[in-house]
PDB file of N, CA and C in Angstrom:
ATOM      1  N   UNK A   1     129.557 139.270  94.538  1.00  0.00           N
ATOM      2  CA  UNK A   1     128.465 139.617  95.541  1.00  0.00           C
ATOM      3  C   UNK A   1     127.014 138.708  95.285  1.00  0.00           C
ATOM      4  N   UNK A   2     126.968 138.307  94.109  1.00  0.00           N
ATOM      5  CA  UNK A   2     125.722 137.166  93.928  1.00  0.00           C
ATOM      6  C   UNK A   2     126.005 135.911  94.505  1.00  0.00           C
ATOM      7  N   UNK A   3     127.234 135.629  94.712  1.00  0.00           N
ATOM      8  CA  UNK A   3     127.464 133.992  95.624  1.00  0.00           C
ATOM      9  C   UNK A   3     127.594 134.701  97.190  1.00  0.00           C
ATOM     10  N   UNK A   4     127.810 135.887  97.391  1.00  0.00           N
ATOM     11  CA  UNK A   4     127.486 136.307  99.282  1.00  0.00           C
ATOM     12  C   UNK A   4     125.858 135.751  99.561  1.00  0.00           C
ATOM     13  N   UNK A   5     125.114 136.860  98.352  1.00  0.00           N
ATOM     14  CA  UNK A   5     123.901 136.777  98.645  1.00  0.00           C
ATOM     15  C   UNK A   5     123.054 135.101  98.675  1.00  0.00           C
ATOM     16  N   UNK A   6     123.587 134.414  97.609  1.00  0.00           N
ATOM     17  CA  UNK A   6     123.064 133.123  97.348  1.00  0.00           C
ATOM     18  C   UNK A   6     123.468 132.190  98.695  1.00  0.00           C
ATOM     19  N   UNK A   7     124.659 132.662  99.223  1.00  0.00           N
ATOM     20  CA  UNK A   7     125.081 131.877 100.461  1.00  0.00           C
ATOM     21  C   UNK A   7     123.898 132.397 101.971  1.00  0.00           C
ATOM     22  N   UNK A   8     123.380 133.641 102.044  1.00  0.00           N
ATOM     23  CA  UNK A   8     122.830 133.954 102.891  1.00  0.00           C
ATOM     24  C   UNK A   8     121.309 133.154 102.688  1.00  0.00           C
ATOM     25  N   UNK A   9     120.939 133.015 101.692  1.00  0.00           N
ATOM     26  CA  UNK A   9     119.390 132.382 101.263  1.00  0.00           C
ATOM     27  C   UNK A   9     119.635 130.764 101.569  1.00  0.00           C
ATOM     28  N   UNK A  10     120.696 130.554 101.564  1.00  0.00           N
ATOM     29  CA  UNK A  10     121.486 128.682 101.949  1.00  0.00           C
ATOM     30  C   UNK A  10     121.138 128.685 103.229  1.00  0.00           C
ATOM     31  N   UNK A  11     121.820 129.316 104.023  1.00  0.00           N
ATOM     32  CA  UNK A  11     122.224 129.009 105.698  1.00  0.00           C
ATOM     33  C   UNK A  11     121.143 130.097 106.477  1.00  0.00           C
ATOM     34  N   UNK A  12     120.265 131.173 105.848  1.00  0.00           N
ATOM     35  CA  UNK A  12     119.246 131.701 106.999  1.00  0.00           C
ATOM     36  C   UNK A  12     117.667 131.788 106.239  1.00  0.00           C
ATOM     37  N   UNK A  13     117.292 131.536 107.198  1.00  0.00           N
ATOM     38  CA  UNK A  13     115.925 131.432 106.976  1.00  0.00           C
ATOM     39  C   UNK A  13     115.332 132.874 106.742  1.00  0.00           C
ATOM     40  N   UNK A  14     115.661 133.600 107.685  1.00  0.00           N
ATOM     41  CA  UNK A  14     115.094 135.119 107.776  1.00  0.00           C
ATOM     42  C   UNK A  14     116.509 135.713 108.052  1.00  0.00           C
ATOM     43  N   UNK A  15     116.749 136.889 107.537  1.00  0.00           N
ATOM     44  CA  UNK A  15     117.887 137.748 108.055  1.00  0.00           C
ATOM     45  C   UNK A  15     117.385 139.140 107.851  1.00  0.00           C
ATOM     46  N   UNK A  16     117.463 139.994 108.985  1.00  0.00           N
ATOM     47  CA  UNK A  16     117.776 141.479 108.839  1.00  0.00           C
ATOM     48  C   UNK A  16     118.849 142.196 108.905  1.00  0.00           C
ATOM     49  N   UNK A  17     119.081 143.119 108.490  1.00  0.00           N
ATOM     50  CA  UNK A  17     120.328 143.711 108.819  1.00  0.00           C
ATOM     51  C   UNK A  17     120.014 145.069 108.939  1.00  0.00           C
ATOM     52  N   UNK A  18     120.623 145.950 110.110  1.00  0.00           N
ATOM     53  CA  UNK A  18     120.308 146.888 110.645  1.00  0.00           C
ATOM     54  C   UNK A  18     121.824 147.874 110.117  1.00  0.00           C
ATOM     55  N   UNK A  19     121.567 148.923 109.740  1.00  0.00           N
ATOM     56  CA  UNK A  19     122.862 149.811 109.471  1.00  0.00           C
ATOM     57  C   UNK A  19     122.698 150.731 110.983  1.00  0.00           C
ATOM     58  N   UNK A  20     124.500 150.426 111.380  1.00  0.00           N
ATOM     59  CA  UNK A  20     124.608 151.298 112.721  1.00  0.00           C
ATOM     60  C   UNK A  20     125.571 152.157 112.246  1.00  0.00           C
ATOM     61  N   UNK A  21     126.142 152.683 111.195  1.00  0.00           N
ATOM     62  CA  UNK A  21     127.129 153.571 111.164  1.00  0.00           C
ATOM     63  C   UNK A  21     127.457 153.642 109.622  1.00  0.00           C
ATOM     64  N   UNK A  22     127.601 154.597 108.763  1.00  0.00           N
ATOM     65  CA  UNK A  22     128.155 154.456 107.808  1.00  0.00           C
ATOM     66  C   UNK A  22     129.285 155.670 107.505  1.00  0.00           C
ATOM     67  N   UNK A  23     130.522 155.460 106.742  1.00  0.00           N
ATOM     68  CA  UNK A  23     131.620 156.024 106.632  1.00  0.00           C
ATOM     69  C   UNK A  23     131.897 156.036 104.907  1.00  0.00           C
ATOM     70  N   UNK A  24     132.470 157.228 104.681  1.00  0.00           N
ATOM     71  CA  UNK A  24     132.562 157.272 103.000  1.00  0.00           C
ATOM     72  C   UNK A  24     133.649 158.087 102.805  1.00  0.00           C
ATOM     73  N   UNK A  25     134.647 157.915 101.923  1.00  0.00           N
ATOM     74  CA  UNK A  25     135.498 159.013 101.606  1.00  0.00           C
ATOM     75  C   UNK A  25     135.826 158.443 100.088  1.00  0.00           C
ATOM     76  N   UNK A  26     135.649 159.300  99.284  1.00  0.00           N
ATOM     77  CA  UNK A  26     135.580 159.553  97.897  1.00  0.00           C
ATOM     78  C   UNK A  26     134.855 158.193  97.163  1.00  0.00           C
ATOM     79  N   UNK A  27     135.625 157.126  96.585  1.00  0.00           N
ATOM     80  CA  UNK A  27     134.494 156.076  95.928  1.00  0.00           C
ATOM     81  C   UNK A  27     134.724 154.611  96.971  1.00  0.00           C
ATOM     82  N   UNK A  28     135.108 154.938  98.335  1.00  0.00           N
ATOM     83  CA  UNK A  28     134.751 153.947  99.252  1.00  0.00           C
ATOM     84  C   UNK A  28     133.882 154.243 100.182  1.00  0.00           C
ATOM     85  N   UNK A  29     132.959 153.013 100.711  1.00  0.00           N
ATOM     86  CA  UNK A  29     132.508 153.359 101.562  1.00  0.00           C
ATOM     87  C   UNK A  29     132.348 152.107 102.666  1.00  0.00           C
ATOM     88  N   UNK A  30     132.082 152.259 103.933  1.00  0.00           N
ATOM     89  CA  UNK A  30     132.226 151.102 105.038  1.00  0.00           C
ATOM     90  C   UNK A  30     130.880 151.399 105.633  1.00  0.00           C
ATOM     91  N   UNK A  31     130.233 150.378 105.802  1.00  0.00           N
ATOM     92  CA  UNK A  31     128.964 150.333 106.707  1.00  0.00           C
ATOM     93  C   UNK A  31     128.895 149.426 107.672  1.00  0.00           C
ATOM     94  N   UNK A  32     128.631 149.945 109.038  1.00  0.00           N
ATOM     95  CA  UNK A  32     128.548 148.815 110.211  1.00  0.00           C
ATOM     96  C   UNK A  32     127.477 148.545 110.398  1.00  0.00           C
ATOM     97  N   UNK A  33     126.917 147.147 110.319  1.00  0.00           N
ATOM     98  CA  UNK A  33     125.906 146.622 110.704  1.00  0.00           C
ATOM     99  C   UNK A  33     125.649 145.639 111.797  1.00  0.00           C
ATOM    100  N   UNK A  34     124.126 145.269 112.260  1.00  0.00           N
ATOM    101  CA  UNK A  34     123.811 144.103 112.895  1.00  0.00           C
ATOM    102  C   UNK A  34     123.204 143.317 112.160  1.00  0.00           C
ATOM    103  N   UNK A  35     123.465 141.937 112.119  1.00  0.00           N
ATOM    104  CA  UNK A  35     122.418 141.186 111.735  1.00  0.00           C
ATOM    105  C   UNK A  35     121.879 140.085 112.099  1.00  0.00           C
ATOM    106  N   UNK A  36     120.740 140.044 112.347  1.00  0.00           N
ATOM    107  CA  UNK A  36     120.079 139.068 113.185  1.00  0.00           C
ATOM    108  C   UNK A  36     118.909 138.208 112.190  1.00  0.00           C
ATOM    109  N   UNK A  37     118.582 137.113 112.587  1.00  0.00           N
ATOM    110  CA  UNK A  37     117.660 136.191 111.767  1.00  0.00           C
ATOM    111  C   UNK A  37     117.581 134.588 112.400  1.00  0.00           C
ATOM    112  N   UNK A  38     116.715 134.089 111.623  1.00  0.00           N
ATOM    113  CA  UNK A  38     116.705 132.449 111.845  1.00  0.00           C
ATOM    114  C   UNK A  38     117.798 131.619 110.839  1.00  0.00           C
ATOM    115  N   UNK A  39     118.556 130.731 111.458  1.00  0.00           N
ATOM    116  CA  UNK A  39     119.218 129.588 110.847  1.00  0.00           C
ATOM    117  C   UNK A  39     118.554 128.356 110.355  1.00  0.00           C
ATOM    118  N   UNK A  40     118.748 128.136 109.302  1.00  0.00           N
ATOM    119  CA  UNK A  40     117.943 127.261 108.536  1.00  0.00           C
ATOM    120  C   UNK A  40     118.027 125.432 109.154  1.00  0.00           C
ATOM    121  N   UNK A  41     119.632 125.548 109.500  1.00  0.00           N
ATOM    122  CA  UNK A  41     119.837 124.236 110.403  1.00  0.00           C
ATOM    123  C   UNK A  41     119.335 124.008 111.356  1.00  0.00           C
ATOM    124  N   UNK A  42     119.429 124.613 112.272  1.00  0.00           N
ATOM    125  CA  UNK A  42     119.103 124.757 113.419  1.00  0.00           C
ATOM    126  C   UNK A  42     117.770 125.133 114.312  1.00  0.00           C
ATOM    127  N   UNK A  43     117.165 125.866 113.112  1.00  0.00           N
ATOM    128  CA  UNK A  43     115.911 126.872 113.496  1.00  0.00           C
ATOM    129  C   UNK A  43     116.362 127.730 114.548  1.00  0.00           C
ATOM    130  N   UNK A  44     117.001 128.137 115.047  1.00  0.00           N
ATOM    131  CA  UNK A  44     117.377 129.047 116.401  1.00  0.00           C
ATOM    132  C   UNK A  44     117.592 130.692 115.727  1.00  0.00           C
ATOM    133  N   UNK A  45     117.326 131.455 116.444  1.00  0.00           N
ATOM    134  CA  UNK A  45     117.535 132.808 116.115  1.00  0.00           C
ATOM    135  C   UNK A  45     119.242 133.167 116.680  1.00  0.00           C
ATOM    136  N   UNK A  46     119.951 133.609 115.734  1.00  0.00           N
ATOM    137  CA  UNK A  46     121.263 134.170 115.953  1.00  0.00           C
ATOM    138  C   UNK A  46     121.865 135.568 115.292  1.00  0.00           C
ATOM    139  N   UNK A  47     122.568 135.962 115.546  1.00  0.00           N
ATOM    140  CA  UNK A  47     123.083 137.500 114.809  1.00  0.00           C
ATOM    141  C   UNK A  47     124.518 137.630 115.022  1.00  0.00           C
ATOM    142  N   UNK A  48     125.112 138.484 114.549  1.00  0.00           N
ATOM    143  CA  UNK A  48     126.366 138.914 114.290  1.00  0.00           C
ATOM    144  C   UNK A  48     126.350 140.244 113.909  1.00  0.00           C
ATOM    145  N   UNK A  49     127.405 141.334 113.991  1.00  0.00           N
ATOM    146  CA  UNK A  49     127.893 142.430 113.557  1.00  0.00           C
ATOM    147  C   UNK A  49     128.795 142.156 112.480  1.00  0.00           C
ATOM    148  N   UNK A  50     129.067 143.467 111.766  1.00  0.00           N
ATOM    149  CA  UNK A  50     130.323 143.252 110.514  1.00  0.00           C
ATOM    150  C   UNK A  50     130.114 144.615 110.259  1.00  0.00           C
ATOM    151  N   UNK A  51     131.574 144.543 109.114  1.00  0.00           N
ATOM    152  CA  UNK A  51     131.783 145.562 108.727  1.00  0.00           C
ATOM    153  C   UNK A  51     131.926 145.477 107.082  1.00  0.00           C
ATOM    154  N   UNK A  52     130.814 146.093 106.173  1.00  0.00           N
ATOM    155  CA  UNK A  52     130.978 145.887 104.699  1.00  0.00           C
ATOM    156  C   UNK A  52     131.619 147.299 104.162  1.00  0.00           C
ATOM    157  N   UNK A  53     132.559 146.581 103.425  1.00  0.00           N
ATOM    158  CA  UNK A  53     133.640 147.609 102.600  1.00  0.00           C
ATOM    159  C   UNK A  53     133.068 147.793 101.693  1.00  0.00           C
ATOM    160  N   UNK A  54     132.697 148.654 100.436  1.00  0.00           N
ATOM    161  CA  UNK A  54     132.230 148.829  99.288  1.00  0.00           C
ATOM    162  C   UNK A  54     133.236 149.740  98.479  1.00  0.00           C
ATOM    163  N   UNK A  55     133.456 149.299  97.251  1.00  0.00           N
ATOM    164  CA  UNK A  55     133.870 150.348  96.268  1.00  0.00           C
ATOM    165  C   UNK A  55     132.759 150.403  95.108  1.00  0.00           C
ATOM    166  N   UNK A  56     132.931 151.940  94.832  1.00  0.00           N
ATOM    167  CA  UNK A  56     131.946 152.188  93.969  1.00  0.00           C
ATOM    168  C   UNK A  56     132.288 152.982  92.863  1.00  0.00           C
ATOM    169  N   UNK A  57     131.709 152.885  91.623  1.00  0.00           N
ATOM    170  CA  UNK A  57     132.331 153.705  90.133  1.00  0.00           C
ATOM    171  C   UNK A  57     131.278 154.167  89.801  1.00  0.00           C
ATOM    172  N   UNK A  58     131.199 155.704  89.686  1.00  0.00           N
ATOM    173  CA  UNK A  58     129.869 156.453  89.345  1.00  0.00           C
ATOM    174  C   UNK A  58     128.797 155.700  89.678  1.00  0.00           C
ATOM    175  N   UNK A  59     129.006 155.514  91.130  1.00  0.00           N
ATOM    176  CA  UNK A  59     127.604 155.101  91.990  1.00  0.00           C
ATOM    177  C   UNK A  59     127.200 153.611  91.619  1.00  0.00           C
ATOM    178  N   UNK A  60     128.022 152.917  91.129  1.00  0.00           N
ATOM    179  CA  UNK A  60     127.545 151.667  90.864  1.00  0.00           C
ATOM    180  C   UNK A  60     128.889 150.252  91.848  1.00  0.00           C
ATOM    181  N   UNK A  61     128.276 149.846  92.600  1.00  0.00           N
ATOM    182  CA  UNK A  61     129.556 149.011  93.297  1.00  0.00           C
ATOM    183  C   UNK A  61     129.938 147.866  92.205  1.00  0.00           C
ATOM    184  N   UNK A  62     131.199 147.867  92.632  1.00  0.00           N
ATOM    185  CA  UNK A  62     132.227 146.890  91.800  1.00  0.00           C
ATOM    186  C   UNK A  62     133.052 146.355  92.745  1.00  0.00           C
ATOM    187  N   UNK A  63     133.248 146.380  94.033  1.00  0.00           N
ATOM    188  CA  UNK A  63     133.615 145.730  95.162  1.00  0.00           C
ATOM    189  C   UNK A  63     133.103 145.386  96.186  1.00  0.00           C
ATOM    190  N   UNK A  64     132.905 144.351  97.092  1.00  0.00           N
ATOM    191  CA  UNK A  64     132.490 144.483  98.308  1.00  0.00           C
ATOM    192  C   UNK A  64     132.788 143.224  99.093  1.00  0.00           C
ATOM    193  N   UNK A  65     133.321 143.594 100.368  1.00  0.00           N
ATOM    194  CA  UNK A  65     134.043 142.777 101.235  1.00  0.00           C
ATOM    195  C   UNK A  65     133.285 142.634 102.406  1.00  0.00           C
ATOM    196  N   UNK A  66     133.089 141.621 103.329  1.00  0.00           N
ATOM    197  CA  UNK A  66     132.425 141.866 104.497  1.00  0.00           C
ATOM    198  C   UNK A  66     133.557 141.300 105.667  1.00  0.00           C
ATOM    199  N   UNK A  67     133.676 142.106 106.693  1.00  0.00           N
ATOM    200  CA  UNK A  67     134.387 141.543 108.018  1.00  0.00           C
ATOM    201  C   UNK A  67     133.519 141.325 109.230  1.00  0.00           C
ATOM    202  N   UNK A  68     133.675 140.168 109.570  1.00  0.00           N
ATOM    203  CA  UNK A  68     132.233 139.537 110.581  1.00  0.00           C
ATOM    204  C   UNK A  68     132.873 139.564 111.563  1.00  0.00           C
ATOM    205  N   UNK A  69     131.947 139.698 112.956  1.00  0.00           N
ATOM    206  CA  UNK A  69     132.654 139.262 114.387  1.00  0.00           C
ATOM    207  C   UNK A  69     131.220 138.788 114.700  1.00  0.00           C
ATOM    208  N   UNK A  70     131.389 137.419 114.951  1.00  0.00           N
ATOM    209  CA  UNK A  70     130.533 136.931 115.071  1.00  0.00           C
ATOM    210  C   UNK A  70     130.503 135.657 116.288  1.00  0.00           C
ATOM    211  N   UNK A  71     129.682 135.427 116.958  1.00  0.00           N
ATOM    212  CA  UNK A  71     129.992 134.832 118.317  1.00  0.00           C
ATOM    213  C   UNK A  71     130.261 133.388 118.129  1.00  0.00           C
ATOM    214  N   UNK A  72     131.139 132.790 119.071  1.00  0.00           N
ATOM    215  CA  UNK A  72     131.842 131.479 119.041  1.00  0.00           C
ATOM    216  C   UNK A  72     130.632 130.451 118.486  1.00  0.00           C
ATOM    217  N   UNK A  73     129.370 130.504 118.829  1.00  0.00           N
ATOM    218  CA  UNK A  73     128.516 129.583 118.756  1.00  0.00           C
ATOM    219  C   UNK A  73     128.100 129.432 117.440  1.00  0.00           C
ATOM    220  N   UNK A  74     128.293 130.896 116.539  1.00  0.00           N
ATOM    221  CA  UNK A  74     127.690 130.648 114.828  1.00  0.00           C
ATOM    222  C   UNK A  74     128.749 130.231 114.195  1.00  0.00           C
ATOM    223  N   UNK A  75     128.262 129.028 113.613  1.00  0.00           N
ATOM    224  CA  UNK A  75     128.898 128.364 112.472  1.00  0.00           C
ATOM    225  C   UNK A  75     129.898 129.026 111.586  1.00  0.00           C
ATOM    226  N   UNK A  76     131.188 129.311 111.585  1.00  0.00           N
ATOM    227  CA  UNK A  76     132.273 130.022 110.606  1.00  0.00           C
ATOM    228  C   UNK A  76     131.297 130.315 109.209  1.00  0.00           C
ATOM    229  N   UNK A  77     131.201 129.186 108.592  1.00  0.00           N
ATOM    230  CA  UNK A  77     130.482 129.164 107.334  1.00  0.00           C
ATOM    231  C   UNK A  77     129.060 129.906 106.905  1.00  0.00           C
ATOM    232  N   UNK A  78     128.452 129.853 108.030  1.00  0.00           N
ATOM    233  CA  UNK A  78     127.433 130.570 108.422  1.00  0.00           C
ATOM    234  C   UNK A  78     127.506 132.375 108.175  1.00  0.00           C
ATOM    235  N   UNK A  79     128.677 132.724 109.145  1.00  0.00           N
ATOM    236  CA  UNK A  79     128.744 134.115 109.367  1.00  0.00           C
ATOM    237  C   UNK A  79     129.191 134.274 108.013  1.00  0.00           C
ATOM    238  N   UNK A  80     130.219 133.843 107.360  1.00  0.00           N
ATOM    239  CA  UNK A  80     131.007 134.571 106.317  1.00  0.00           C
ATOM    240  C   UNK A  80     129.917 134.404 105.076  1.00  0.00           C
ATOM    241  N   UNK A  81     128.693 133.814 105.002  1.00  0.00           N
ATOM    242  CA  UNK A  81     127.820 133.654 103.887  1.00  0.00           C
ATOM    243  C   UNK A  81     126.961 134.935 103.732  1.00  0.00           C
TER     244      UNK A  81
END
């Protein structure tokens, strides 16, 4: 997860993530989000939607995965960061 959040800082000047919905079953949680911010490379505003899948053990995150639905104009490396 540390690499994921480091990537955000490398590519985004600002990034706000809004939680759209939360689904949970046992130790798994899926969070649907909308992210918007300003890209460092182009100084342009951009955004995408994503699903964050968390696995928890005793309330502590032990696994995280993100699936991104990004516009074609958003570089894939930035969306994945």
